[in-house]
PDB file of N, CA and C in Angstrom:
ATOM      1  N   MET A   1       0.847  -1.167   0.000  1.00  0.00           N
ATOM      2  CA  MET A   1       0.000   0.000   0.000  1.00  0.00           C
ATOM      3  C   MET A   1       0.895   1.233   0.000  1.00  0.00           C
ATOM      4  N   PRO A   2       0.781   2.107  -0.985  1.00  0.00           N
ATOM      5  CA  PRO A   2       1.629   3.292  -1.033  1.00  0.00           C
ATOM      6  C   PRO A   2       1.275   4.275   0.071  1.00  0.00           C
ATOM      7  N   SER A   3       2.279   4.956   0.517  1.00  0.00           N
ATOM      8  CA  SER A   3       2.104   5.948   1.575  1.00  0.00           C
ATOM      9  C   SER A   3       2.020   7.337   0.958  1.00  0.00           C
ATOM     10  N   ASP A   4       1.238   8.210   1.582  1.00  0.00           N
ATOM     11  CA  ASP A   4       1.185   9.602   1.134  1.00  0.00           C
ATOM     12  C   ASP A   4       2.479  10.325   1.460  1.00  0.00           C
ATOM     13  N   ASP A   5       3.175   9.830   2.448  1.00  0.00           N
ATOM     14  CA  ASP A   5       4.436  10.428   2.881  1.00  0.00           C
ATOM     15  C   ASP A   5       5.556   9.820   2.044  1.00  0.00           C
ATOM     16  N   HIS A   6       6.287  10.632   1.306  1.00  0.00           N
ATOM     17  CA  HIS A   6       7.323  10.125   0.415  1.00  0.00           C
ATOM     18  C   HIS A   6       8.689  10.030   1.087  1.00  0.00           C
ATOM     19  N   ALA A   7       8.763  10.374   2.355  1.00  0.00           N
ATOM     20  CA  ALA A   7      10.031  10.279   3.071  1.00  0.00           C
ATOM     21  C   ALA A   7      10.374   8.814   3.298  1.00  0.00           C
ATOM     22  N   PRO A   8      11.650   8.449   3.122  1.00  0.00           N
ATOM     23  CA  PRO A   8      12.025   7.052   3.374  1.00  0.00           C
ATOM     24  C   PRO A   8      11.825   6.715   4.845  1.00  0.00           C
ATOM     25  N   ARG A   9      11.426   5.503   5.096  1.00  0.00           N
ATOM     26  CA  ARG A   9      11.183   5.056   6.467  1.00  0.00           C
ATOM     27  C   ARG A   9      12.146   3.926   6.813  1.00  0.00           C
ATOM     28  N   ALA A  10      12.542   3.912   8.071  1.00  0.00           N
ATOM     29  CA  ALA A  10      13.380   2.816   8.549  1.00  0.00           C
ATOM     30  C   ALA A  10      12.527   1.562   8.635  1.00  0.00           C
ATOM     31  N   PRO A  11      13.145   0.401   8.489  1.00  0.00           N
ATOM     32  CA  PRO A  11      12.380  -0.829   8.683  1.00  0.00           C
ATOM     33  C   PRO A  11      11.740  -0.825  10.064  1.00  0.00           C
ATOM     34  N   LEU A  12      10.587  -1.464  10.171  1.00  0.00           N
ATOM     35  CA  LEU A  12       9.834  -1.468  11.425  1.00  0.00           C
ATOM     36  C   LEU A  12      10.692  -1.910  12.603  1.00  0.00           C
ATOM     37  N   SER A  13      11.545  -2.902  12.402  1.00  0.00           N
ATOM     38  CA  SER A  13      12.373  -3.401  13.505  1.00  0.00           C
ATOM     39  C   SER A  13      13.302  -2.327  14.052  1.00  0.00           C
ATOM     40  N   HIS A  14      13.581  -1.298  13.259  1.00  0.00           N
ATOM     41  CA  HIS A  14      14.449  -0.213  13.728  1.00  0.00           C
ATOM     42  C   HIS A  14      13.659   0.884  14.429  1.00  0.00           C
ATOM     43  N   ARG A  15      12.337   0.800  14.379  1.00  0.00           N
ATOM     44  CA  ARG A  15      11.515   1.838  14.996  1.00  0.00           C
ATOM     45  C   ARG A  15      10.768   1.352  16.228  1.00  0.00           C
ATOM     46  N   VAL A  16      10.680   0.070  16.454  1.00  0.00           N
ATOM     47  CA  VAL A  16       9.949  -0.459  17.606  1.00  0.00           C
ATOM     48  C   VAL A  16      10.925  -0.607  18.771  1.00  0.00           C
ATOM     49  N   PRO A  17      10.683   0.105  19.873  1.00  0.00           N
ATOM     50  CA  PRO A  17      11.580   0.006  21.032  1.00  0.00           C
ATOM     51  C   PRO A  17      11.554  -1.395  21.640  1.00  0.00           C
ATOM     52  N   ASP A  18      12.642  -1.748  22.315  1.00  0.00           N
ATOM     53  CA  ASP A  18      12.667  -3.048  22.979  1.00  0.00           C
ATOM     54  C   ASP A  18      11.741  -3.031  24.193  1.00  0.00           C
ATOM     55  N   LEU A  19      11.391  -4.209  24.661  1.00  0.00           N
ATOM     56  CA  LEU A  19      10.433  -4.324  25.767  1.00  0.00           C
ATOM     57  C   LEU A  19      10.919  -3.639  27.036  1.00  0.00           C
ATOM     58  N   GLY A  20      12.216  -3.705  27.306  1.00  0.00           N
ATOM     59  CA  GLY A  20      12.751  -3.048  28.496  1.00  0.00           C
ATOM     60  C   GLY A  20      12.566  -1.540  28.456  1.00  0.00           C
ATOM     61  N   ALA A  21      12.759  -0.950  27.281  1.00  0.00           N
ATOM     62  CA  ALA A  21      12.573   0.497  27.132  1.00  0.00           C
ATOM     63  C   ALA A  21      11.104   0.864  27.303  1.00  0.00           C
ATOM     64  N   LEU A  22      10.218   0.048  26.748  1.00  0.00           N
ATOM     65  CA  LEU A  22       8.782   0.304  26.907  1.00  0.00           C
ATOM     66  C   LEU A  22       8.359   0.157  28.362  1.00  0.00           C
ATOM     67  N   GLU A  23       8.895  -0.859  29.041  1.00  0.00           N
ATOM     68  CA  GLU A  23       8.590  -1.052  30.462  1.00  0.00           C
ATOM     69  C   GLU A  23       9.033   0.172  31.266  1.00  0.00           C
ATOM     70  N   LEU A  24      10.194   0.706  30.948  1.00  0.00           N
ATOM     71  CA  LEU A  24      10.697   1.900  31.627  1.00  0.00           C
ATOM     72  C   LEU A  24       9.789   3.100  31.368  1.00  0.00           C
ATOM     73  N   LEU A  25       9.373   3.298  30.125  1.00  0.00           N
ATOM     74  CA  LEU A  25       8.493   4.422  29.812  1.00  0.00           C
ATOM     75  C   LEU A  25       7.160   4.291  30.546  1.00  0.00           C
ATOM     76  N   LEU A  26       6.632   3.081  30.629  1.00  0.00           N
ATOM     77  CA  LEU A  26       5.393   2.858  31.386  1.00  0.00           C
ATOM     78  C   LEU A  26       5.595   3.182  32.867  1.00  0.00           C
ATOM     79  N   ALA A  27       6.766   2.846  33.403  1.00  0.00           N
ATOM     80  CA  ALA A  27       7.064   3.155  34.805  1.00  0.00           C
ATOM     81  C   ALA A  27       7.165   4.665  35.016  1.00  0.00           C
ATOM     82  N   VAL A  28       7.741   5.383  34.059  1.00  0.00           N
ATOM     83  CA  VAL A  28       7.797   6.848  34.162  1.00  0.00           C
ATOM     84  C   VAL A  28       6.379   7.410  34.179  1.00  0.00           C
ATOM     85  N   ALA A  29       5.513   6.863  33.341  1.00  0.00           N
ATOM     86  CA  ALA A  29       4.117   7.323  33.310  1.00  0.00           C
ATOM     87  C   ALA A  29       3.440   7.085  34.657  1.00  0.00           C
ATOM     88  N   ARG A  30       3.720   5.949  35.284  1.00  0.00           N
ATOM     89  CA  ARG A  30       3.117   5.625  36.587  1.00  0.00           C
ATOM     90  C   ARG A  30       3.634   6.521  37.699  1.00  0.00           C
ATOM     91  N   HIS A  31       4.945   6.726  37.723  1.00  0.00           N
ATOM     92  CA  HIS A  31       5.591   7.408  38.848  1.00  0.00           C
ATOM     93  C   HIS A  31       5.771   8.910  38.655  1.00  0.00           C
ATOM     94  N   GLY A  32       5.800   9.380  37.405  1.00  0.00           N
ATOM     95  CA  GLY A  32       6.041  10.797  37.154  1.00  0.00           C
ATOM     96  C   GLY A  32       7.463  11.222  37.457  1.00  0.00           C
ATOM     97  N   SER A  33       8.346  10.250  37.558  1.00  0.00           N
ATOM     98  CA  SER A  33       9.737  10.524  37.903  1.00  0.00           C
ATOM     99  C   SER A  33      10.623   9.475  37.250  1.00  0.00           C
ATOM    100  N   LEU A  34      11.659   9.933  36.570  1.00  0.00           N
ATOM    101  CA  LEU A  34      12.588   9.004  35.945  1.00  0.00           C
ATOM    102  C   LEU A  34      13.361   8.218  37.001  1.00  0.00           C
ATOM    103  N   GLY A  35      13.735   8.878  38.098  1.00  0.00           N
ATOM    104  CA  GLY A  35      14.462   8.196  39.169  1.00  0.00           C
ATOM    105  C   GLY A  35      13.650   7.085  39.812  1.00  0.00           C
ATOM    106  N   ARG A  36      12.386   7.370  40.127  1.00  0.00           N
ATOM    107  CA  ARG A  36      11.522   6.338  40.726  1.00  0.00           C
ATOM    108  C   ARG A  36      11.227   5.228  39.726  1.00  0.00           C
ATOM    109  N   ALA A  37      11.066   5.598  38.456  1.00  0.00           N
ATOM    110  CA  ALA A  37      10.835   4.587  37.420  1.00  0.00           C
ATOM    111  C   ALA A  37      12.047   3.672  37.287  1.00  0.00           C
ATOM    112  N   ALA A  38      13.239   4.259  37.326  1.00  0.00           N
ATOM    113  CA  ALA A  38      14.465   3.465  37.238  1.00  0.00           C
ATOM    114  C   ALA A  38      14.538   2.468  38.387  1.00  0.00           C
ATOM    115  N   LYS A  39      14.254   2.940  39.586  1.00  0.00           N
ATOM    116  CA  LYS A  39      14.269   2.056  40.753  1.00  0.00           C
ATOM    117  C   LYS A  39      13.245   0.936  40.592  1.00  0.00           C
ATOM    118  N   ASP A  40      12.069   1.283  40.075  1.00  0.00           N
ATOM    119  CA  ASP A  40      10.995   0.310  39.879  1.00  0.00           C
ATOM    120  C   ASP A  40      11.410  -0.816  38.935  1.00  0.00           C
ATOM    121  N   VAL A  41      12.146  -0.477  37.869  1.00  0.00           N
ATOM    122  CA  VAL A  41      12.539  -1.508  36.902  1.00  0.00           C
ATOM    123  C   VAL A  41      13.929  -2.076  37.181  1.00  0.00           C
ATOM    124  N   GLY A  42      14.582  -1.580  38.237  1.00  0.00           N
ATOM    125  CA  GLY A  42      15.842  -2.173  38.679  1.00  0.00           C
ATOM    126  C   GLY A  42      17.081  -1.728  37.920  1.00  0.00           C
ATOM    127  N   ILE A  43      17.093  -0.472  37.451  1.00  0.00           N
ATOM    128  CA  ILE A  43      18.291   0.060  36.811  1.00  0.00           C
ATOM    129  C   ILE A  43      18.626   1.409  37.447  1.00  0.00           C
ATOM    130  N   SER A  44      19.832   1.898  37.190  1.00  0.00           N
ATOM    131  CA  SER A  44      20.237   3.190  37.745  1.00  0.00           C
ATOM    132  C   SER A  44      19.535   4.325  36.998  1.00  0.00           C
ATOM    133  N   GLN A  45      19.476   5.490  37.641  1.00  0.00           N
ATOM    134  CA  GLN A  45      18.859   6.652  37.000  1.00  0.00           C
ATOM    135  C   GLN A  45      19.626   7.060  35.745  1.00  0.00           C
ATOM    136  N   PRO A  46      20.974   7.086  35.765  1.00  0.00           N
ATOM    137  CA  PRO A  46      21.685   7.422  34.527  1.00  0.00           C
ATOM    138  C   PRO A  46      21.402   6.424  33.393  1.00  0.00           C
ATOM    139  N   ALA A  47      21.300   5.143  33.723  1.00  0.00           N
ATOM    140  CA  ALA A  47      20.982   4.136  32.701  1.00  0.00           C
ATOM    141  C   ALA A  47      19.576   4.357  32.153  1.00  0.00           C
ATOM    142  N   ALA A  48      18.641   4.717  33.030  1.00  0.00           N
ATOM    143  CA  ALA A  48      17.264   4.977  32.598  1.00  0.00           C
ATOM    144  C   ALA A  48      17.218   6.189  31.677  1.00  0.00           C
ATOM    145  N   SER A  49      17.927   7.235  32.041  1.00  0.00           N
ATOM    146  CA  SER A  49      17.970   8.444  31.224  1.00  0.00           C
ATOM    147  C   SER A  49      18.548   8.136  29.846  1.00  0.00           C
ATOM    148  N   SER A  50      19.609   7.358  29.815  1.00  0.00           N
ATOM    149  CA  SER A  50      20.231   6.963  28.557  1.00  0.00           C
ATOM    150  C   SER A  50      19.282   6.119  27.710  1.00  0.00           C
ATOM    151  N   ARG A  51      18.568   5.217  28.343  1.00  0.00           N
ATOM    152  CA  ARG A  51      17.634   4.347  27.617  1.00  0.00           C
ATOM    153  C   ARG A  51      16.495   5.167  27.006  1.00  0.00           C
ATOM    154  N   ILE A  52      15.972   6.130  27.764  1.00  0.00           N
ATOM    155  CA  ILE A  52      14.894   6.980  27.237  1.00  0.00           C
ATOM    156  C   ILE A  52      15.414   7.837  26.081  1.00  0.00           C
ATOM    157  N   ARG A  53      16.600   8.436  26.245  1.00  0.00           N
ATOM    158  CA  ARG A  53      17.182   9.246  25.158  1.00  0.00           C
ATOM    159  C   ARG A  53      17.394   8.405  23.901  1.00  0.00           C
ATOM    160  N   SER A  54      17.850   7.176  24.077  1.00  0.00           N
ATOM    161  CA  SER A  54      18.053   6.277  22.944  1.00  0.00           C
ATOM    162  C   SER A  54      16.731   5.979  22.239  1.00  0.00           C
ATOM    163  N   MET A  55      15.681   5.739  23.027  1.00  0.00           N
ATOM    164  CA  MET A  55      14.369   5.466  22.445  1.00  0.00           C
ATOM    165  C   MET A  55      13.850   6.709  21.716  1.00  0.00           C
ATOM    166  N   GLU A  56      14.086   7.886  22.277  1.00  0.00           N
ATOM    167  CA  GLU A  56      13.665   9.125  21.616  1.00  0.00           C
ATOM    168  C   GLU A  56      14.381   9.291  20.274  1.00  0.00           C
ATOM    169  N   ARG A  57      15.677   8.991  20.240  1.00  0.00           N
ATOM    170  CA  ARG A  57      16.424   9.067  18.972  1.00  0.00           C
ATOM    171  C   ARG A  57      15.883   8.042  17.977  1.00  0.00           C
ATOM    172  N   GLN A  58      15.632   6.840  18.460  1.00  0.00           N
ATOM    173  CA  GLN A  58      15.141   5.766  17.596  1.00  0.00           C
ATOM    174  C   GLN A  58      13.795   6.129  16.969  1.00  0.00           C
ATOM    175  N   LEU A  59      12.911   6.715  17.760  1.00  0.00           N
ATOM    176  CA  LEU A  59      11.574   7.052  17.275  1.00  0.00           C
ATOM    177  C   LEU A  59      11.514   8.427  16.613  1.00  0.00           C
ATOM    178  N   GLY A  60      12.513   9.256  16.886  1.00  0.00           N
ATOM    179  CA  GLY A  60      12.556  10.585  16.283  1.00  0.00           C
ATOM    180  C   GLY A  60      11.626  11.595  16.928  1.00  0.00           C
ATOM    181  N   VAL A  61      11.244  11.353  18.183  1.00  0.00           N
ATOM    182  CA  VAL A  61      10.351  12.265  18.906  1.00  0.00           C
ATOM    183  C   VAL A  61      10.770  12.335  20.369  1.00  0.00           C
ATOM    184  N   ALA A  62      10.439  13.451  21.020  1.00  0.00           N
ATOM    185  CA  ALA A  62      10.635  13.568  22.467  1.00  0.00           C
ATOM    186  C   ALA A  62       9.500  12.818  23.160  1.00  0.00           C
ATOM    187  N   LEU A  63       9.832  11.991  24.117  1.00  0.00           N
ATOM    188  CA  LEU A  63       8.833  11.214  24.850  1.00  0.00           C
ATOM    189  C   LEU A  63       8.522  11.810  26.210  1.00  0.00           C
ATOM    190  N   LEU A  64       9.475  12.580  26.755  1.00  0.00           N
ATOM    191  CA  LEU A  64       9.306  13.160  28.087  1.00  0.00           C
ATOM    192  C   LEU A  64       9.597  14.647  28.075  1.00  0.00           C
ATOM    193  N   ASP A  65       8.845  15.379  28.881  1.00  0.00           N
ATOM    194  CA  ASP A  65       9.193  16.746  29.256  1.00  0.00           C
ATOM    195  C   ASP A  65       9.852  16.616  30.617  1.00  0.00           C
ATOM    196  N   ARG A  66      11.119  16.992  30.699  1.00  0.00           N
ATOM    197  CA  ARG A  66      11.869  16.829  31.940  1.00  0.00           C
ATOM    198  C   ARG A  66      11.934  18.164  32.676  1.00  0.00           C
ATOM    199  N   SER A  67      11.798  18.091  34.001  1.00  0.00           N
ATOM    200  CA  SER A  67      11.941  19.285  34.833  1.00  0.00           C
ATOM    201  C   SER A  67      12.512  18.844  36.174  1.00  0.00           C
ATOM    202  N   PRO A  68      12.988  19.788  36.985  1.00  0.00           N
ATOM    203  CA  PRO A  68      13.501  19.412  38.305  1.00  0.00           C
ATOM    204  C   PRO A  68      12.440  18.736  39.182  1.00  0.00           C
ATOM    205  N   ARG A  69      11.168  18.983  38.884  1.00  0.00           N
ATOM    206  CA  ARG A  69      10.090  18.392  39.696  1.00  0.00           C
ATOM    207  C   ARG A  69       9.640  17.027  39.198  1.00  0.00           C
ATOM    208  N   GLY A  70      10.204  16.552  38.100  1.00  0.00           N
ATOM    209  CA  GLY A  70       9.822  15.235  37.599  1.00  0.00           C
ATOM    210  C   GLY A  70       9.785  15.198  36.087  1.00  0.00           C
ATOM    211  N   SER A  71       9.258  14.117  35.579  1.00  0.00           N
ATOM    212  CA  SER A  71       9.147  13.922  34.138  1.00  0.00           C
ATOM    213  C   SER A  71       7.691  13.699  33.786  1.00  0.00           C
ATOM    214  N   ARG A  72       7.280  14.332  32.697  1.00  0.00           N
ATOM    215  CA  ARG A  72       5.903  14.204  32.236  1.00  0.00           C
ATOM    216  C   ARG A  72       5.941  13.741  30.789  1.00  0.00           C
ATOM    217  N   LEU A  73       5.021  12.846  30.433  1.00  0.00           N
ATOM    218  CA  LEU A  73       4.965  12.362  29.063  1.00  0.00           C
ATOM    219  C   LEU A  73       4.564  13.486  28.113  1.00  0.00           C
ATOM    220  N   THR A  74       5.213  13.535  26.965  1.00  0.00           N
ATOM    221  CA  THR A  74       4.758  14.408  25.888  1.00  0.00           C
ATOM    222  C   THR A  74       3.557  13.724  25.233  1.00  0.00           C
ATOM    223  N   ASP A  75       2.939  14.390  24.278  1.00  0.00           N
ATOM    224  CA  ASP A  75       1.846  13.749  23.541  1.00  0.00           C
ATOM    225  C   ASP A  75       2.339  12.476  22.862  1.00  0.00           C
ATOM    226  N   ALA A  76       3.543  12.535  22.286  1.00  0.00           N
ATOM    227  CA  ALA A  76       4.113  11.346  21.643  1.00  0.00           C
ATOM    228  C   ALA A  76       4.379  10.252  22.672  1.00  0.00           C
ATOM    229  N   GLY A  77       4.874  10.633  23.849  1.00  0.00           N
ATOM    230  CA  GLY A  77       5.104   9.656  24.911  1.00  0.00           C
ATOM    231  C   GLY A  77       3.820   8.984  25.346  1.00  0.00           C
ATOM    232  N   ALA A  78       2.741   9.756  25.423  1.00  0.00           N
ATOM    233  CA  ALA A  78       1.439   9.190  25.788  1.00  0.00           C
ATOM    234  C   ALA A  78       0.956   8.212  24.723  1.00  0.00           C
ATOM    235  N   LEU A  79       1.176   8.543  23.453  1.00  0.00           N
ATOM    236  CA  LEU A  79       0.786   7.622  22.377  1.00  0.00           C
ATOM    237  C   LEU A  79       1.566   6.316  22.455  1.00  0.00           C
ATOM    238  N   VAL A  80       2.872   6.417  22.719  1.00  0.00           N
ATOM    239  CA  VAL A  80       3.699   5.212  22.816  1.00  0.00           C
ATOM    240  C   VAL A  80       3.268   4.365  24.008  1.00  0.00           C
ATOM    241  N   THR A  81       2.987   4.989  25.148  1.00  0.00           N
ATOM    242  CA  THR A  81       2.556   4.198  26.311  1.00  0.00           C
ATOM    243  C   THR A  81       1.189   3.575  26.072  1.00  0.00           C
ATOM    244  N   ASP A  82       0.284   4.286  25.410  1.00  0.00           N
ATOM    245  CA  ASP A  82      -1.017   3.689  25.071  1.00  0.00           C
ATOM    246  C   ASP A  82      -0.819   2.470  24.181  1.00  0.00           C
ATOM    247  N   TRP A  83       0.063   2.592  23.192  1.00  0.00           N
ATOM    248  CA  TRP A  83       0.358   1.472  22.293  1.00  0.00           C
ATOM    249  C   TRP A  83       0.971   0.305  23.071  1.00  0.00           C
ATOM    250  N   ALA A  84       1.898   0.616  23.981  1.00  0.00           N
ATOM    251  CA  ALA A  84       2.581  -0.435  24.744  1.00  0.00           C
ATOM    252  C   ALA A  84       1.625  -1.190  25.662  1.00  0.00           C
ATOM    253  N   ARG A  85       0.623  -0.519  26.168  1.00  0.00           N
ATOM    254  CA  ARG A  85      -0.343  -1.175  27.060  1.00  0.00           C
ATOM    255  C   ARG A  85      -1.210  -2.187  26.319  1.00  0.00           C
ATOM    256  N   ARG A  86      -1.335  -2.040  25.022  1.00  0.00           N
ATOM    257  CA  ARG A  86      -2.155  -2.962  24.233  1.00  0.00           C
ATOM    258  C   ARG A  86      -1.377  -4.195  23.984  1.00  0.00           C
TER     259      ARG A  86
END
């Protein structure tokens, strides 16, 4: 099926985050904090931050709005978490 968008797309396997990254994003949505989410999934906060940044690069969108008071999902982050829950 032809796409209206003529931009080349990466193969699907290069755009779908791994399960661990999705689990982390779901934990951020639950806790509202990257640090608490990292603890919940059993990784360090720097590792969690790196994993989220990697997923953002892979998908080409920002998934979190970060602030000193916590992390909040962007609209794209909310879409990804909704998809992951299915």
